[in-house]
Amino acid sequence: MRTTTHRKVTLSTRILAAVTLAAILAPAGPPAWASQEQGNRAYTMAQGIPEYRIGPEDKLRIRIWTGVEAREYEVVVQADGNIFLPFVGLASMRAGDRSALELRDEIVEQLRESYREPAAEVIVTEKLARLATILGEVRTTVRGETGPGRYPLPGRIRLVDFITEHGGLTDEADLNRAQVTRGDETILYSLSRAIFQNDESQNPILDAGDLIYIPALSTNSRKLLVFGEVARPGLLELTDDIPISEAIALVGGFTSDAHKSSVVVVRGGLENPVVLNSNWESLQRGDLTQDLTVQDGDMIFVGRRRLATFTDVMYAFALPLSTIYTTVLISNSAGNSN
C-alpha cells in the first residue's frame, strides 16, 4: 500500500512539473480582440466601405453647394466631436465617430430643409485623432514620418502596411516576434508568415492606441528544453524556430541508450498540452515529415524506451518544480544582465 501511494504522489507531482514548465515557456494564446474588427475606433463602415472614423483635432475641408452659391470651410473637430459651420441651417454639427461620407450625407439632409438640390463634399485634410505607436527595429529614412514614433492611422490598415508606410523593418528585426499591445493585453505575431505566406491571422487590423514593438534578433530568444538520452541536456536559447534535428545536434546528439524511434515533443500551455512524436530512424531513411519544427516553449524528451501513453510521457518529465524555476530564472537573469 505504501508503494502504491508513493507512486501516485510522485506521478502527480511529475505531471504538475511538466505541465507547469509548458505554461512557463509557452506563449499565451491570442486575446479576444485579435480576430475582431467590430468596435474598431480607427474606421467605420460607410455604405459597405471602410472609412476613416473622424475624431477630435482632425481637420476637415467642407464644400457646400446650394444651387445658387458655393462655399468652402476649413474646420477643426472639437474635443466633444462637434464642428461649427457658419452656414444658415447648420451651425453646430456632430462629426466625431462618423466617416466623411456620413458627415456629408448629414449636411445634405439638413440643407434640404432650406434648399432644393444641395450638395456637399467633406475631406479629412489632417488625420490626428486615431494614433498608433511603433517602436523598435523600424527603419528611419529621408522621407518624413519614418522610424520609431507615434503616427496617425489612416483608417482600416493592417500591421504590415503600417510598418511599411513608416520606413519598413531594419536588417536586425525579428520577423517572428512582433508585439502588438492593446490595453493591457499583448499578442505576438509572425511577420514572416504575414509577408511570405499572406497569413492574415498574423497581420492584424490596427486600432487607435495600439503599441507596436519590433524586437531585434539579438535581444529575443526562444527557449527549448531538451533532456533525456542526449549528450548535453538543458535549456536552449535560439533566435528562430528550428527543426528537431538541429535541436538534437545542438545538445550533442543522442546517447548510445537513446530510443530514436520515438522522440517526444510536448507543446502547449497548462490547459491543453499536446504530445508529438518524431521517428528519428524514419527521418534517417529520408522521411522529412519526421523532422518537426520545434517552437518556443517546446519540451523535447529522448527516452530509453518507447513511451506508449500520455501518462508515460508525463511520468518521464521528472524535473522537480524547484529545478524548473531555477533553470528559467537563471536563464532570464543571464539574459537581463547582457
C-alpha atoms as a PDB file:
ATOM      1  CA  MET A   1       0.000   0.000   0.000  1.00  0.00           C
ATOM      2  CA  ARG A   2       2.831   2.417   0.809  1.00  0.00           C
ATOM      3  CA  THR A   3       4.456   1.754  -2.536  1.00  0.00           C
ATOM      4  CA  THR A   4       1.202   2.423  -4.425  1.00  0.00           C
ATOM      5  CA  THR A   5       0.518   5.637  -2.509  1.00  0.00           C
ATOM      6  CA  HIS A   6       4.078   6.865  -3.041  1.00  0.00           C
ATOM      7  CA  ARG A   7       3.860   6.214  -6.802  1.00  0.00           C
ATOM      8  CA  LYS A   8       0.589   8.180  -7.106  1.00  0.00           C
ATOM      9  CA  VAL A   9       2.029  11.190  -5.309  1.00  0.00           C
ATOM     10  CA  THR A  10       5.229  11.078  -7.352  1.00  0.00           C
ATOM     11  CA  LEU A  11       3.340  10.736 -10.640  1.00  0.00           C
ATOM     12  CA  SER A  12       1.010  13.646  -9.924  1.00  0.00           C
ATOM     13  CA  THR A  13       3.962  15.814  -8.906  1.00  0.00           C
ATOM     14  CA  ARG A  14       5.799  14.981 -12.108  1.00  0.00           C
ATOM     15  CA  ILE A  15       2.753  15.681 -14.259  1.00  0.00           C
ATOM     16  CA  LEU A  16       2.325  19.031 -12.496  1.00  0.00           C
ATOM     17  CA  ALA A  17       6.004  19.831 -13.037  1.00  0.00           C
ATOM     18  CA  ALA A  18       5.868  19.057 -16.746  1.00  0.00           C
ATOM     19  CA  VAL A  19       2.672  20.965 -17.433  1.00  0.00           C
ATOM     20  CA  THR A  20       3.835  23.906 -15.318  1.00  0.00           C
ATOM     21  CA  LEU A  21       7.041  24.136 -17.362  1.00  0.00           C
ATOM     22  CA  ALA A  22       4.981  24.190 -20.542  1.00  0.00           C
ATOM     23  CA  ALA A  23       2.905  27.017 -19.094  1.00  0.00           C
ATOM     24  CA  ILE A  24       6.047  28.961 -18.137  1.00  0.00           C
ATOM     25  CA  LEU A  25       7.752  28.658 -21.516  1.00  0.00           C
ATOM     26  CA  ALA A  26       4.865  28.571 -23.996  1.00  0.00           C
ATOM     27  CA  PRO A  27       3.484  31.862 -25.394  1.00  0.00           C
ATOM     28  CA  ALA A  28      -0.014  32.825 -24.311  1.00  0.00           C
ATOM     29  CA  GLY A  29      -2.951  32.402 -26.670  1.00  0.00           C
ATOM     30  CA  PRO A  30      -4.327  35.413 -28.515  1.00  0.00           C
ATOM     31  CA  PRO A  31      -6.718  37.733 -26.685  1.00  0.00           C
ATOM     32  CA  ALA A  32     -10.295  38.155 -27.853  1.00  0.00           C
ATOM     33  CA  TRP A  33      -9.629  41.357 -29.825  1.00  0.00           C
ATOM     34  CA  ALA A  34      -7.008  39.682 -32.047  1.00  0.00           C
ATOM     35  CA  SER A  35      -9.568  38.404 -34.569  1.00  0.00           C
ATOM     36  CA  GLN A  36     -12.275  41.050 -34.212  1.00  0.00           C
ATOM     37  CA  GLU A  37     -12.953  44.097 -36.371  1.00  0.00           C
ATOM     38  CA  GLN A  38     -16.175  45.249 -34.716  1.00  0.00           C
ATOM     39  CA  GLY A  39     -15.720  48.207 -32.410  1.00  0.00           C
ATOM     40  CA  ASN A  40     -12.536  49.378 -34.121  1.00  0.00           C
ATOM     41  CA  ARG A  41     -12.009  53.071 -33.301  1.00  0.00           C
ATOM     42  CA  ALA A  42      -9.893  53.865 -36.353  1.00  0.00           C
ATOM     43  CA  TYR A  43     -12.523  53.285 -39.016  1.00  0.00           C
ATOM     44  CA  THR A  44     -16.226  52.745 -39.585  1.00  0.00           C
ATOM     45  CA  MET A  45     -18.165  51.076 -42.380  1.00  0.00           C
ATOM     46  CA  ALA A  46     -19.972  53.572 -44.623  1.00  0.00           C
ATOM     47  CA  GLN A  47     -22.055  52.173 -47.473  1.00  0.00           C
ATOM     48  CA  GLY A  48     -20.085  48.947 -47.205  1.00  0.00           C
ATOM     49  CA  ILE A  49     -16.721  50.736 -47.443  1.00  0.00           C
ATOM     50  CA  PRO A  50     -14.227  51.036 -44.559  1.00  0.00           C
ATOM     51  CA  GLU A  51     -13.803  54.763 -43.944  1.00  0.00           C
ATOM     52  CA  TYR A  52     -11.679  56.729 -41.512  1.00  0.00           C
ATOM     53  CA  ARG A  53     -13.526  57.494 -38.276  1.00  0.00           C
ATOM     54  CA  ILE A  54     -13.375  61.248 -37.624  1.00  0.00           C
ATOM     55  CA  GLY A  55     -12.303  62.346 -34.149  1.00  0.00           C
ATOM     56  CA  PRO A  56     -11.120  65.311 -32.036  1.00  0.00           C
ATOM     57  CA  GLU A  57      -8.386  67.536 -33.558  1.00  0.00           C
ATOM     58  CA  ASP A  58      -8.979  66.238 -37.087  1.00  0.00           C
ATOM     59  CA  LYS A  59      -9.029  68.958 -39.723  1.00  0.00           C
ATOM     60  CA  LEU A  60     -11.793  68.988 -42.327  1.00  0.00           C
ATOM     61  CA  ARG A  61     -12.444  70.829 -45.574  1.00  0.00           C
ATOM     62  CA  ILE A  62     -16.174  71.147 -46.255  1.00  0.00           C
ATOM     63  CA  ARG A  63     -17.586  72.439 -49.546  1.00  0.00           C
ATOM     64  CA  ILE A  64     -21.287  73.302 -49.776  1.00  0.00           C
ATOM     65  CA  TRP A  65     -23.317  73.967 -52.943  1.00  0.00           C
ATOM     66  CA  THR A  66     -26.850  75.243 -52.555  1.00  0.00           C
ATOM     67  CA  GLY A  67     -27.692  75.544 -56.232  1.00  0.00           C
ATOM     68  CA  VAL A  68     -27.053  79.291 -56.048  1.00  0.00           C
ATOM     69  CA  GLU A  69     -23.638  79.644 -54.471  1.00  0.00           C
ATOM     70  CA  ALA A  70     -20.666  77.527 -53.342  1.00  0.00           C
ATOM     71  CA  ARG A  71     -18.881  77.958 -50.043  1.00  0.00           C
ATOM     72  CA  GLU A  72     -15.851  76.270 -48.522  1.00  0.00           C
ATOM     73  CA  TYR A  73     -14.938  75.937 -44.852  1.00  0.00           C
ATOM     74  CA  GLU A  74     -11.840  74.714 -43.009  1.00  0.00           C
ATOM     75  CA  VAL A  75     -12.848  73.412 -39.595  1.00  0.00           C
ATOM     76  CA  VAL A  76     -11.261  71.547 -36.672  1.00  0.00           C
ATOM     77  CA  VAL A  77     -13.177  68.875 -34.792  1.00  0.00           C
ATOM     78  CA  GLN A  78     -13.579  69.930 -31.180  1.00  0.00           C
ATOM     79  CA  ALA A  79     -12.904  67.774 -28.118  1.00  0.00           C
ATOM     80  CA  ASP A  80     -16.614  66.862 -27.885  1.00  0.00           C
ATOM     81  CA  GLY A  81     -16.636  65.675 -31.503  1.00  0.00           C
ATOM     82  CA  ASN A  82     -18.601  68.670 -32.844  1.00  0.00           C
ATOM     83  CA  ILE A  83     -17.736  71.148 -35.603  1.00  0.00           C
ATOM     84  CA  PHE A  84     -19.041  74.673 -36.182  1.00  0.00           C
ATOM     85  CA  LEU A  85     -20.257  75.642 -39.661  1.00  0.00           C
ATOM     86  CA  PRO A  86     -21.257  79.307 -40.027  1.00  0.00           C
ATOM     87  CA  PHE A  87     -23.918  78.492 -42.580  1.00  0.00           C
ATOM     88  CA  VAL A  88     -27.640  79.035 -42.386  1.00  0.00           C
ATOM     89  CA  GLY A  89     -29.375  75.886 -41.157  1.00  0.00           C
ATOM     90  CA  LEU A  90     -26.205  74.121 -39.982  1.00  0.00           C
ATOM     91  CA  ALA A  91     -24.206  75.792 -37.166  1.00  0.00           C
ATOM     92  CA  SER A  92     -23.015  73.099 -34.729  1.00  0.00           C
ATOM     93  CA  MET A  93     -22.911  69.501 -36.009  1.00  0.00           C
ATOM     94  CA  ARG A  94     -21.587  66.230 -34.676  1.00  0.00           C
ATOM     95  CA  ALA A  95     -18.654  64.938 -36.724  1.00  0.00           C
ATOM     96  CA  GLY A  96     -16.976  62.636 -34.212  1.00  0.00           C
ATOM     97  CA  ASP A  97     -17.188  58.874 -34.849  1.00  0.00           C
ATOM     98  CA  ARG A  98     -18.597  59.488 -38.326  1.00  0.00           C
ATOM     99  CA  SER A  99     -16.937  58.946 -41.670  1.00  0.00           C
ATOM    100  CA  ALA A 100     -16.547  61.779 -44.182  1.00  0.00           C
ATOM    101  CA  LEU A 101     -19.346  60.208 -46.267  1.00  0.00           C
ATOM    102  CA  GLU A 102     -21.691  60.025 -43.283  1.00  0.00           C
ATOM    103  CA  LEU A 103     -20.996  63.637 -42.364  1.00  0.00           C
ATOM    104  CA  ARG A 104     -21.547  64.717 -45.975  1.00  0.00           C
ATOM    105  CA  ASP A 105     -24.922  62.960 -46.077  1.00  0.00           C
ATOM    106  CA  GLU A 106     -25.968  64.598 -42.783  1.00  0.00           C
ATOM    107  CA  ILE A 107     -25.060  68.041 -44.102  1.00  0.00           C
ATOM    108  CA  VAL A 108     -27.028  67.495 -47.322  1.00  0.00           C
ATOM    109  CA  GLU A 109     -30.013  66.181 -45.368  1.00  0.00           C
ATOM    110  CA  GLN A 110     -30.158  69.285 -43.193  1.00  0.00           C
ATOM    111  CA  LEU A 111     -29.682  71.636 -46.163  1.00  0.00           C
ATOM    112  CA  ARG A 112     -32.674  70.076 -47.921  1.00  0.00           C
ATOM    113  CA  GLU A 113     -34.900  71.778 -45.382  1.00  0.00           C
ATOM    114  CA  SER A 114     -33.931  75.130 -46.932  1.00  0.00           C
ATOM    115  CA  TYR A 115     -32.607  74.337 -50.409  1.00  0.00           C
ATOM    116  CA  ARG A 116     -33.994  72.289 -53.262  1.00  0.00           C
ATOM    117  CA  GLU A 117     -30.901  70.471 -54.565  1.00  0.00           C
ATOM    118  CA  PRO A 118     -27.986  70.992 -52.185  1.00  0.00           C
ATOM    119  CA  ALA A 119     -24.688  69.148 -52.453  1.00  0.00           C
ATOM    120  CA  ALA A 120     -21.670  68.841 -50.173  1.00  0.00           C
ATOM    121  CA  GLU A 121     -18.182  67.425 -50.049  1.00  0.00           C
ATOM    122  CA  VAL A 122     -16.202  66.529 -46.915  1.00  0.00           C
ATOM    123  CA  ILE A 123     -12.460  65.841 -46.984  1.00  0.00           C
ATOM    124  CA  VAL A 124     -10.352  64.974 -43.943  1.00  0.00           C
ATOM    125  CA  THR A 125      -7.233  67.037 -44.627  1.00  0.00           C
ATOM    126  CA  GLU A 126      -5.344  66.045 -41.468  1.00  0.00           C
ATOM    127  CA  LYS A 127      -5.989  62.840 -39.542  1.00  0.00           C
ATOM    128  CA  LEU A 128      -4.810  63.422 -35.993  1.00  0.00           C
ATOM    129  CA  ALA A 129      -7.367  61.677 -33.785  1.00  0.00           C
ATOM    130  CA  ARG A 130      -6.546  57.987 -34.252  1.00  0.00           C
ATOM    131  CA  LEU A 131      -2.905  57.251 -33.449  1.00  0.00           C
ATOM    132  CA  ALA A 132      -0.722  54.166 -33.025  1.00  0.00           C
ATOM    133  CA  THR A 133       2.843  53.930 -31.725  1.00  0.00           C
ATOM    134  CA  ILE A 134       5.598  51.856 -33.299  1.00  0.00           C
ATOM    135  CA  LEU A 135       8.916  51.161 -31.555  1.00  0.00           C
ATOM    136  CA  GLY A 136      11.958  49.010 -32.076  1.00  0.00           C
ATOM    137  CA  GLU A 137      13.525  47.861 -35.337  1.00  0.00           C
ATOM    138  CA  VAL A 138      11.815  50.257 -37.751  1.00  0.00           C
ATOM    139  CA  ARG A 139      13.910  51.917 -40.445  1.00  0.00           C
ATOM    140  CA  THR A 140      14.349  55.702 -40.481  1.00  0.00           C
ATOM    141  CA  THR A 141      14.633  57.163 -43.994  1.00  0.00           C
ATOM    142  CA  VAL A 142      14.934  60.627 -45.518  1.00  0.00           C
ATOM    143  CA  ARG A 143      11.214  60.512 -46.189  1.00  0.00           C
ATOM    144  CA  GLY A 144       9.118  62.103 -43.443  1.00  0.00           C
ATOM    145  CA  GLU A 145       7.219  60.145 -40.787  1.00  0.00           C
ATOM    146  CA  THR A 146       9.504  57.118 -40.716  1.00  0.00           C
ATOM    147  CA  GLY A 147      11.241  55.287 -37.906  1.00  0.00           C
ATOM    148  CA  PRO A 148      10.005  54.727 -34.346  1.00  0.00           C
ATOM    149  CA  GLY A 149       7.267  57.162 -33.377  1.00  0.00           C
ATOM    150  CA  ARG A 150       3.577  57.909 -32.988  1.00  0.00           C
ATOM    151  CA  TYR A 151       1.632  58.118 -36.225  1.00  0.00           C
ATOM    152  CA  PRO A 152      -1.980  58.622 -37.350  1.00  0.00           C
ATOM    153  CA  LEU A 153      -3.936  55.630 -38.562  1.00  0.00           C
ATOM    154  CA  PRO A 154      -5.421  56.399 -41.999  1.00  0.00           C
ATOM    155  CA  GLY A 155      -8.447  54.199 -41.351  1.00  0.00           C
ATOM    156  CA  ARG A 156      -8.548  50.446 -41.847  1.00  0.00           C
ATOM    157  CA  ILE A 157      -4.918  49.357 -42.060  1.00  0.00           C
ATOM    158  CA  ARG A 158      -3.063  46.152 -41.261  1.00  0.00           C
ATOM    159  CA  LEU A 159       0.155  45.792 -39.306  1.00  0.00           C
ATOM    160  CA  VAL A 160       2.483  45.072 -42.246  1.00  0.00           C
ATOM    161  CA  ASP A 161       1.137  48.026 -44.271  1.00  0.00           C
ATOM    162  CA  PHE A 162       1.519  50.379 -41.301  1.00  0.00           C
ATOM    163  CA  ILE A 163       5.138  49.300 -40.773  1.00  0.00           C
ATOM    164  CA  THR A 164       5.866  49.682 -44.498  1.00  0.00           C
ATOM    165  CA  GLU A 165       4.396  53.190 -44.612  1.00  0.00           C
ATOM    166  CA  HIS A 166       6.683  54.289 -41.796  1.00  0.00           C
ATOM    167  CA  GLY A 167      10.026  53.051 -43.030  1.00  0.00           C
ATOM    168  CA  GLY A 168       9.832  49.258 -43.021  1.00  0.00           C
ATOM    169  CA  LEU A 169      11.928  46.864 -40.967  1.00  0.00           C
ATOM    170  CA  THR A 170      15.657  47.054 -40.273  1.00  0.00           C
ATOM    171  CA  ASP A 171      18.003  44.177 -41.060  1.00  0.00           C
ATOM    172  CA  GLU A 172      18.063  43.323 -37.337  1.00  0.00           C
ATOM    173  CA  ALA A 173      14.285  42.985 -36.951  1.00  0.00           C
ATOM    174  CA  ASP A 174      12.937  39.710 -35.574  1.00  0.00           C
ATOM    175  CA  LEU A 175      10.219  38.850 -38.093  1.00  0.00           C
ATOM    176  CA  ASN A 176       8.699  36.188 -35.868  1.00  0.00           C
ATOM    177  CA  ARG A 177       8.156  38.124 -32.626  1.00  0.00           C
ATOM    178  CA  ALA A 178       6.353  41.377 -33.457  1.00  0.00           C
ATOM    179  CA  GLN A 179       4.313  42.551 -30.473  1.00  0.00           C
ATOM    180  CA  VAL A 180       1.024  44.442 -30.554  1.00  0.00           C
ATOM    181  CA  THR A 181      -0.273  45.742 -27.226  1.00  0.00           C
ATOM    182  CA  ARG A 182      -3.870  46.897 -26.915  1.00  0.00           C
ATOM    183  CA  GLY A 183      -4.986  47.966 -23.470  1.00  0.00           C
ATOM    184  CA  ASP A 184      -3.366  45.573 -21.014  1.00  0.00           C
ATOM    185  CA  GLU A 185      -3.041  42.656 -23.471  1.00  0.00           C
ATOM    186  CA  THR A 186      -0.120  41.832 -25.749  1.00  0.00           C
ATOM    187  CA  ILE A 187      -0.017  39.321 -28.601  1.00  0.00           C
ATOM    188  CA  LEU A 188       2.935  38.115 -30.672  1.00  0.00           C
ATOM    189  CA  TYR A 189       2.740  37.958 -34.463  1.00  0.00           C
ATOM    190  CA  SER A 190       4.934  36.370 -37.121  1.00  0.00           C
ATOM    191  CA  LEU A 191       5.604  38.997 -39.776  1.00  0.00           C
ATOM    192  CA  SER A 192       7.418  36.292 -41.730  1.00  0.00           C
ATOM    193  CA  ARG A 193       4.160  34.343 -42.128  1.00  0.00           C
ATOM    194  CA  ALA A 194       2.206  37.533 -42.815  1.00  0.00           C
ATOM    195  CA  ILE A 195       4.576  38.652 -45.583  1.00  0.00           C
ATOM    196  CA  PHE A 196       5.699  35.414 -47.221  1.00  0.00           C
ATOM    197  CA  GLN A 197       2.597  33.268 -46.702  1.00  0.00           C
ATOM    198  CA  ASN A 198      -0.045  36.016 -46.823  1.00  0.00           C
ATOM    199  CA  ASP A 199      -1.339  34.770 -43.463  1.00  0.00           C
ATOM    200  CA  GLU A 200      -3.890  37.375 -42.347  1.00  0.00           C
ATOM    201  CA  SER A 201      -4.092  35.821 -38.878  1.00  0.00           C
ATOM    202  CA  GLN A 202      -0.547  37.166 -38.400  1.00  0.00           C
ATOM    203  CA  ASN A 203      -1.341  40.571 -39.901  1.00  0.00           C
ATOM    204  CA  PRO A 204      -3.977  42.191 -37.656  1.00  0.00           C
ATOM    205  CA  ILE A 205      -6.019  45.288 -38.380  1.00  0.00           C
ATOM    206  CA  LEU A 206      -4.713  48.034 -36.108  1.00  0.00           C
ATOM    207  CA  ASP A 207      -6.807  50.142 -33.762  1.00  0.00           C
ATOM    208  CA  ALA A 208      -6.333  53.570 -32.208  1.00  0.00           C
ATOM    209  CA  GLY A 209      -3.998  53.404 -29.228  1.00  0.00           C
ATOM    210  CA  ASP A 210      -2.145  50.258 -30.340  1.00  0.00           C
ATOM    211  CA  LEU A 211       1.515  49.944 -29.328  1.00  0.00           C
ATOM    212  CA  ILE A 212       3.674  48.014 -31.788  1.00  0.00           C
ATOM    213  CA  TYR A 213       7.130  46.770 -30.842  1.00  0.00           C
ATOM    214  CA  ILE A 214       9.545  45.080 -33.256  1.00  0.00           C
ATOM    215  CA  PRO A 215      12.377  43.468 -31.274  1.00  0.00           C
ATOM    216  CA  ALA A 216      15.887  42.826 -32.562  1.00  0.00           C
ATOM    217  CA  LEU A 217      17.064  39.301 -33.236  1.00  0.00           C
ATOM    218  CA  SER A 218      19.921  39.816 -30.786  1.00  0.00           C
ATOM    219  CA  THR A 219      17.572  40.547 -27.875  1.00  0.00           C
ATOM    220  CA  ASN A 220      14.890  37.948 -28.494  1.00  0.00           C
ATOM    221  CA  SER A 221      15.342  34.263 -27.847  1.00  0.00           C
ATOM    222  CA  ARG A 222      13.188  31.186 -27.918  1.00  0.00           C
ATOM    223  CA  LYS A 223      13.554  28.663 -25.124  1.00  0.00           C
ATOM    224  CA  LEU A 224      13.548  24.914 -25.708  1.00  0.00           C
ATOM    225  CA  LEU A 225      14.106  22.277 -23.064  1.00  0.00           C
ATOM    226  CA  VAL A 226      15.893  19.135 -24.280  1.00  0.00           C
ATOM    227  CA  PHE A 227      16.542  16.286 -21.847  1.00  0.00           C
ATOM    228  CA  GLY A 228      16.728  12.540 -21.502  1.00  0.00           C
ATOM    229  CA  GLU A 229      19.172  10.459 -23.538  1.00  0.00           C
ATOM    230  CA  VAL A 230      21.118  13.307 -25.148  1.00  0.00           C
ATOM    231  CA  ALA A 231      24.740  14.296 -24.606  1.00  0.00           C
ATOM    232  CA  ARG A 232      24.139  17.716 -23.018  1.00  0.00           C
ATOM    233  CA  PRO A 233      20.537  18.021 -21.745  1.00  0.00           C
ATOM    234  CA  GLY A 234      19.407  21.506 -20.862  1.00  0.00           C
ATOM    235  CA  LEU A 235      17.752  24.736 -21.959  1.00  0.00           C
ATOM    236  CA  LEU A 236      18.440  26.056 -25.469  1.00  0.00           C
ATOM    237  CA  GLU A 237      18.008  29.733 -26.334  1.00  0.00           C
ATOM    238  CA  LEU A 238      17.541  30.408 -30.039  1.00  0.00           C
ATOM    239  CA  THR A 239      16.627  33.306 -32.307  1.00  0.00           C
ATOM    240  CA  ASP A 240      14.272  31.306 -34.551  1.00  0.00           C
ATOM    241  CA  ASP A 241      12.188  28.160 -34.738  1.00  0.00           C
ATOM    242  CA  ILE A 242      14.350  25.225 -35.863  1.00  0.00           C
ATOM    243  CA  PRO A 243      13.846  21.590 -36.968  1.00  0.00           C
ATOM    244  CA  ILE A 244      14.116  18.976 -34.245  1.00  0.00           C
ATOM    245  CA  SER A 245      17.207  17.515 -35.938  1.00  0.00           C
ATOM    246  CA  GLU A 246      19.037  20.800 -35.350  1.00  0.00           C
ATOM    247  CA  ALA A 247      17.875  20.962 -31.728  1.00  0.00           C
ATOM    248  CA  ILE A 248      19.219  17.462 -31.079  1.00  0.00           C
ATOM    249  CA  ALA A 249      22.521  18.382 -32.769  1.00  0.00           C
ATOM    250  CA  LEU A 250      22.865  21.482 -30.573  1.00  0.00           C
ATOM    251  CA  VAL A 251      22.779  19.331 -27.428  1.00  0.00           C
ATOM    252  CA  GLY A 252      25.415  16.942 -28.742  1.00  0.00           C
ATOM    253  CA  GLY A 253      23.218  14.261 -30.270  1.00  0.00           C
ATOM    254  CA  PHE A 254      21.869  11.049 -28.771  1.00  0.00           C
ATOM    255  CA  THR A 255      23.482   8.816 -26.200  1.00  0.00           C
ATOM    256  CA  SER A 256      24.048   5.174 -27.040  1.00  0.00           C
ATOM    257  CA  ASP A 257      20.967   4.245 -24.957  1.00  0.00           C
ATOM    258  CA  ALA A 258      18.542   6.559 -26.789  1.00  0.00           C
ATOM    259  CA  HIS A 259      15.332   5.108 -28.223  1.00  0.00           C
ATOM    260  CA  LYS A 260      15.393   7.005 -31.524  1.00  0.00           C
ATOM    261  CA  SER A 261      12.136   5.747 -32.946  1.00  0.00           C
ATOM    262  CA  SER A 262      10.068   7.852 -30.547  1.00  0.00           C
ATOM    263  CA  VAL A 263      11.482  11.277 -29.733  1.00  0.00           C
ATOM    264  CA  VAL A 264       8.747  13.121 -27.831  1.00  0.00           C
ATOM    265  CA  VAL A 265       7.837  16.816 -28.065  1.00  0.00           C
ATOM    266  CA  VAL A 266       5.377  18.302 -25.556  1.00  0.00           C
ATOM    267  CA  ARG A 267       3.841  21.571 -26.747  1.00  0.00           C
ATOM    268  CA  GLY A 268       1.189  23.843 -25.297  1.00  0.00           C
ATOM    269  CA  GLY A 269       0.275  25.532 -22.064  1.00  0.00           C
ATOM    270  CA  LEU A 270      -1.345  24.453 -18.856  1.00  0.00           C
ATOM    271  CA  GLU A 271      -4.805  23.904 -20.317  1.00  0.00           C
ATOM    272  CA  ASN A 272      -4.025  21.870 -23.422  1.00  0.00           C
ATOM    273  CA  PRO A 273      -0.607  20.190 -23.682  1.00  0.00           C
ATOM    274  CA  VAL A 274      -0.078  18.322 -26.962  1.00  0.00           C
ATOM    275  CA  VAL A 275       2.291  15.362 -27.375  1.00  0.00           C
ATOM    276  CA  LEU A 276       4.081  14.964 -30.732  1.00  0.00           C
ATOM    277  CA  ASN A 277       6.346  12.124 -31.816  1.00  0.00           C
ATOM    278  CA  SER A 278       9.301  12.148 -34.177  1.00  0.00           C
ATOM    279  CA  ASN A 279      10.672   8.854 -35.505  1.00  0.00           C
ATOM    280  CA  TRP A 280      14.382   9.500 -35.923  1.00  0.00           C
ATOM    281  CA  GLU A 281      15.020   6.195 -37.674  1.00  0.00           C
ATOM    282  CA  SER A 282      12.408   7.071 -40.334  1.00  0.00           C
ATOM    283  CA  LEU A 283      13.983  10.518 -40.683  1.00  0.00           C
ATOM    284  CA  GLN A 284      17.374   8.944 -41.350  1.00  0.00           C
ATOM    285  CA  ARG A 285      15.737   6.868 -44.086  1.00  0.00           C
ATOM    286  CA  GLY A 286      14.550  10.059 -45.778  1.00  0.00           C
ATOM    287  CA  ASP A 287      11.115  10.756 -44.247  1.00  0.00           C
ATOM    288  CA  LEU A 288      11.413  14.525 -43.796  1.00  0.00           C
ATOM    289  CA  THR A 289       7.941  14.731 -42.226  1.00  0.00           C
ATOM    290  CA  GLN A 290       9.584  13.411 -39.055  1.00  0.00           C
ATOM    291  CA  ASP A 291      11.834  16.483 -38.823  1.00  0.00           C
ATOM    292  CA  LEU A 292       9.308  18.502 -36.814  1.00  0.00           C
ATOM    293  CA  THR A 293       9.778  22.233 -36.417  1.00  0.00           C
ATOM    294  CA  VAL A 294      10.181  22.916 -32.706  1.00  0.00           C
ATOM    295  CA  GLN A 295       8.885  26.171 -31.267  1.00  0.00           C
ATOM    296  CA  ASP A 296       9.377  28.462 -28.329  1.00  0.00           C
ATOM    297  CA  GLY A 297       8.374  26.652 -25.141  1.00  0.00           C
ATOM    298  CA  ASP A 298       8.591  23.117 -26.534  1.00  0.00           C
ATOM    299  CA  MET A 299       9.997  20.330 -24.365  1.00  0.00           C
ATOM    300  CA  ILE A 300      11.891  17.549 -26.143  1.00  0.00           C
ATOM    301  CA  PHE A 301      12.422  14.229 -24.391  1.00  0.00           C
ATOM    302  CA  VAL A 302      14.517  11.292 -25.578  1.00  0.00           C
ATOM    303  CA  GLY A 303      13.886   8.144 -23.553  1.00  0.00           C
ATOM    304  CA  ARG A 304      15.358   4.666 -23.322  1.00  0.00           C
ATOM    305  CA  ARG A 305      12.120   3.003 -24.366  1.00  0.00           C
ATOM    306  CA  ARG A 306       9.051   3.829 -26.424  1.00  0.00           C
ATOM    307  CA  LEU A 307       6.565   5.935 -24.471  1.00  0.00           C
ATOM    308  CA  ALA A 308       3.171   4.412 -25.159  1.00  0.00           C
ATOM    309  CA  THR A 309       0.707   6.687 -23.375  1.00  0.00           C
ATOM    310  CA  PHE A 310       0.289  10.299 -22.354  1.00  0.00           C
ATOM    311  CA  THR A 311       0.785   9.236 -18.729  1.00  0.00           C
ATOM    312  CA  ASP A 312       4.084   7.617 -19.662  1.00  0.00           C
ATOM    313  CA  VAL A 313       5.198  10.842 -21.305  1.00  0.00           C
ATOM    314  CA  MET A 314       4.267  12.953 -18.308  1.00  0.00           C
ATOM    315  CA  TYR A 315       5.927  10.457 -15.964  1.00  0.00           C
ATOM    316  CA  ALA A 316       9.133  10.807 -17.953  1.00  0.00           C
ATOM    317  CA  PHE A 317       9.185  14.564 -17.333  1.00  0.00           C
ATOM    318  CA  ALA A 318      10.637  14.080 -13.883  1.00  0.00           C
ATOM    319  CA  LEU A 319      12.089  17.527 -13.232  1.00  0.00           C
ATOM    320  CA  PRO A 320      11.054  18.864  -9.821  1.00  0.00           C
ATOM    321  CA  LEU A 321       9.420  22.271  -9.770  1.00  0.00           C
ATOM    322  CA  SER A 322      12.356  23.808  -7.927  1.00  0.00           C
ATOM    323  CA  THR A 323      14.680  22.777 -10.767  1.00  0.00           C
ATOM    324  CA  ILE A 324      12.296  24.207 -13.364  1.00  0.00           C
ATOM    325  CA  TYR A 325      12.039  27.574 -11.660  1.00  0.00           C
ATOM    326  CA  THR A 326      15.794  27.711 -11.053  1.00  0.00           C
ATOM    327  CA  THR A 327      16.556  26.924 -14.703  1.00  0.00           C
ATOM    328  CA  VAL A 328      14.169  29.568 -16.052  1.00  0.00           C
ATOM    329  CA  LEU A 329      15.198  32.227 -13.529  1.00  0.00           C
ATOM    330  CA  ILE A 330      18.923  31.702 -14.161  1.00  0.00           C
ATOM    331  CA  SER A 331      18.280  31.921 -17.901  1.00  0.00           C
ATOM    332  CA  ASN A 332      16.250  35.110 -17.571  1.00  0.00           C
ATOM    333  CA  SER A 333      18.781  36.705 -15.220  1.00  0.00           C
ATOM    334  CA  ALA A 334      21.611  35.950 -17.627  1.00  0.00           C
ATOM    335  CA  GLY A 335      19.631  37.468 -20.493  1.00  0.00           C
ATOM    336  CA  ASN A 336      18.857  40.626 -18.495  1.00  0.00           C
ATOM    337  CA  SER A 337      22.477  41.118 -17.439  1.00  0.00           C
ATOM    338  CA  ASN A 338      23.532  41.128 -21.062  1.00  0.00           C
END
